[in-house]
C-alpha atoms as a PDB file:
ATOM      1  CA  MET A   1      62.481 158.819  33.143  1.00  0.00           C
ATOM      2  CA  ASP A   2      59.938 160.768  34.217  1.00  0.00           C
ATOM      3  CA  THR A   3      59.558 164.200  31.927  1.00  0.00           C
ATOM      4  CA  ASN A   4      56.484 165.485  34.488  1.00  0.00           C
ATOM      5  CA  LEU A   5      58.525 165.367  37.292  1.00  0.00           C
ATOM      6  CA  THR A   6      57.323 166.866  40.521  1.00  0.00           C
ATOM      7  CA  LEU A   7      58.529 166.970  43.875  1.00  0.00           C
ATOM      8  CA  THR A   8      55.988 165.209  45.229  1.00  0.00           C
ATOM      9  CA  LYS A   9      57.141 162.329  42.512  1.00  0.00           C
ATOM     10  CA  LEU A  10      60.684 162.651  43.213  1.00  0.00           C
ATOM     11  CA  LYS A  11      59.945 162.278  47.349  1.00  0.00           C
ATOM     12  CA  GLU A  12      58.016 159.281  46.879  1.00  0.00           C
ATOM     13  CA  SER A  13      60.567 157.286  44.193  1.00  0.00           C
ATOM     14  CA  LEU A  14      62.982 157.067  47.820  1.00  0.00           C
ATOM     15  CA  ASP A  15      59.902 154.470  48.892  1.00  0.00           C
ATOM     16  CA  HIS A  16      61.255 152.156  45.788  1.00  0.00           C
ATOM     17  CA  ASN A  17      63.168 148.744  46.253  1.00  0.00           C
ATOM     18  CA  TYR A  18      65.374 149.815  43.476  1.00  0.00           C
ATOM     19  CA  VAL A  19      66.661 152.948  44.357  1.00  0.00           C
ATOM     20  CA  GLN A  20      66.522 152.203  48.338  1.00  0.00           C
ATOM     21  CA  GLN A  21      68.971 148.628  47.340  1.00  0.00           C
ATOM     22  CA  VAL A  22      70.217 148.528  44.086  1.00  0.00           C
ATOM     23  CA  ALA A  23      70.645 152.204  42.455  1.00  0.00           C
ATOM     24  CA  ASP A  24      73.835 154.151  42.991  1.00  0.00           C
ATOM     25  CA  TYR A  25      73.112 157.239  41.454  1.00  0.00           C
ATOM     26  CA  LEU A  26      70.506 159.987  40.310  1.00  0.00           C
ATOM     27  CA  ILE A  27      71.123 161.501  37.672  1.00  0.00           C
ATOM     28  CA  LEU A  28      68.603 164.991  36.865  1.00  0.00           C
ATOM     29  CA  ALA A  29      68.017 167.028  34.108  1.00  0.00           C
ATOM     30  CA  VAL A  30      68.023 170.788  34.517  1.00  0.00           C
ATOM     31  CA  LYS A  31      67.182 172.848  31.856  1.00  0.00           C
ATOM     32  CA  ARG A  32      68.771 176.383  32.449  1.00  0.00           C
ATOM     33  CA  GLY A  33      67.476 179.062  29.874  1.00  0.00           C
ATOM     34  CA  ASN A  34      67.894 177.061  26.808  1.00  0.00           C
ATOM     35  CA  SER A  35      70.469 175.016  27.686  1.00  0.00           C
ATOM     36  CA  HIS A  36      70.124 171.426  29.690  1.00  0.00           C
ATOM     37  CA  GLU A  37      73.000 170.396  31.557  1.00  0.00           C
ATOM     38  CA  LYS A  38      72.784 166.472  34.028  1.00  0.00           C
ATOM     39  CA  VAL A  39      73.342 166.701  37.274  1.00  0.00           C
ATOM     40  CA  ILE A  40      74.837 163.054  39.352  1.00  0.00           C
ATOM     41  CA  LEU A  41      74.141 162.837  42.376  1.00  0.00           C
ATOM     42  CA  ASP A  42      75.583 159.986  44.689  1.00  0.00           C
ATOM     43  CA  LYS A  43      73.708 158.249  47.821  1.00  0.00           C
ATOM     44  CA  PRO A  44      72.570 158.958  50.270  1.00  0.00           C
ATOM     45  CA  PHE A  45      69.394 160.405  48.116  1.00  0.00           C
ATOM     46  CA  GLU A  46      67.496 161.826  50.749  1.00  0.00           C
ATOM     47  CA  GLU A  47      69.129 164.369  51.833  1.00  0.00           C
ATOM     48  CA  LYS A  48      69.866 165.699  48.730  1.00  0.00           C
ATOM     49  CA  ILE A  49      66.679 165.270  47.598  1.00  0.00           C
ATOM     50  CA  GLU A  50      65.248 167.695  51.075  1.00  0.00           C
ATOM     51  CA  ASN A  51      67.557 170.113  49.712  1.00  0.00           C
ATOM     52  CA  ILE A  52      66.160 169.938  46.144  1.00  0.00           C
ATOM     53  CA  CYS A  53      62.586 170.683  47.863  1.00  0.00           C
ATOM     54  CA  LYS A  54      63.385 173.499  50.030  1.00  0.00           C
ATOM     55  CA  ASP A  55      65.360 175.806  47.029  1.00  0.00           C
ATOM     56  CA  HIS A  56      62.115 174.836  44.327  1.00  0.00           C
ATOM     57  CA  ASN A  57      58.602 174.976  44.013  1.00  0.00           C
ATOM     58  CA  GLU A  58      56.237 171.695  43.424  1.00  0.00           C
ATOM     59  CA  ASP A  59      56.718 171.626  39.236  1.00  0.00           C
ATOM     60  CA  CYS A  60      60.861 171.936  40.418  1.00  0.00           C
ATOM     61  CA  THR A  61      61.449 175.335  38.999  1.00  0.00           C
ATOM     62  CA  LEU A  62      63.649 177.253  41.073  1.00  0.00           C
ATOM     63  CA  ILE A  63      62.564 179.423  44.001  1.00  0.00           C
ATOM     64  CA  GLY A  64      63.153 182.844  41.873  1.00  0.00           C
ATOM     65  CA  SER A  65      64.361 181.366  38.985  1.00  0.00           C
ATOM     66  CA  PRO A  66      61.758 180.196  37.273  1.00  0.00           C
ATOM     67  CA  HIS A  67      63.832 180.092  33.982  1.00  0.00           C
ATOM     68  CA  VAL A  68      65.731 176.752  35.539  1.00  0.00           C
ATOM     69  CA  LYS A  69      63.821 173.549  35.778  1.00  0.00           C
ATOM     70  CA  ILE A  70      64.552 169.721  36.802  1.00  0.00           C
ATOM     71  CA  LEU A  71      62.799 168.302  33.868  1.00  0.00           C
ATOM     72  CA  SER A  72      63.870 164.449  34.644  1.00  0.00           C
ATOM     73  CA  ALA A  73      64.984 162.394  37.568  1.00  0.00           C
ATOM     74  CA  GLN A  74      66.785 159.039  36.625  1.00  0.00           C
ATOM     75  CA  TYR A  75      68.208 156.533  39.416  1.00  0.00           C
ATOM     76  CA  THR A  76      71.374 154.114  37.793  1.00  0.00           C
ATOM     77  CA  THR A  77      73.835 152.007  39.031  1.00  0.00           C
ATOM     78  CA  ARG A  78      77.130 152.695  38.472  1.00  0.00           C
ATOM     79  CA  ARG A  79      77.753 149.668  35.623  1.00  0.00           C
ATOM     80  CA  HIS A  80      75.069 151.459  33.411  1.00  0.00           C
ATOM     81  CA  LEU A  81      75.796 155.239  34.147  1.00  0.00           C
ATOM     82  CA  ASP A  82      77.809 156.327  30.825  1.00  0.00           C
ATOM     83  CA  GLU A  83      75.041 154.414  29.212  1.00  0.00           C
ATOM     84  CA  THR A  84      72.182 156.309  30.881  1.00  0.00           C
ATOM     85  CA  LEU A  85      74.138 159.922  30.781  1.00  0.00           C
ATOM     86  CA  GLN A  86      74.120 159.519  27.084  1.00  0.00           C
ATOM     87  CA  GLN A  87      69.922 158.183  26.860  1.00  0.00           C
ATOM     88  CA  ILE A  88      69.148 161.005  28.368  1.00  0.00           C
ATOM     89  CA  HIS A  89      71.605 163.580  26.605  1.00  0.00           C
ATOM     90  CA  ASN A  90      69.813 161.812  23.486  1.00  0.00           C
ATOM     91  CA  SER A  91      66.552 162.602  24.393  1.00  0.00           C
ATOM     92  CA  LEU A  92      67.343 166.103  25.230  1.00  0.00           C
ATOM     93  CA  GLN A  93      68.243 166.920  22.217  1.00  0.00           C
ATOM     94  CA  ASN A  94      64.724 165.849  20.690  1.00  0.00           C
END
């Protein structure tokens, strides 16, 4: 899980073989003020990442709402979705 996420890194992640051939989901950990949530995106990732880029600054803060920020992004498969969500949940608790 990349915790120093930028829009450039998010866009570049699309070039990885794992993302292109294996991953079924992209999970974003989002901070809204003092709370966190997980957003699960399915394929196709390209269009969804393009939309994210339109609405966020390079540092992944939401344009016009700097208290909303994408903290991390992690790709996973259907088989590992629950496990990955739990890992992200645990990391956000620390």
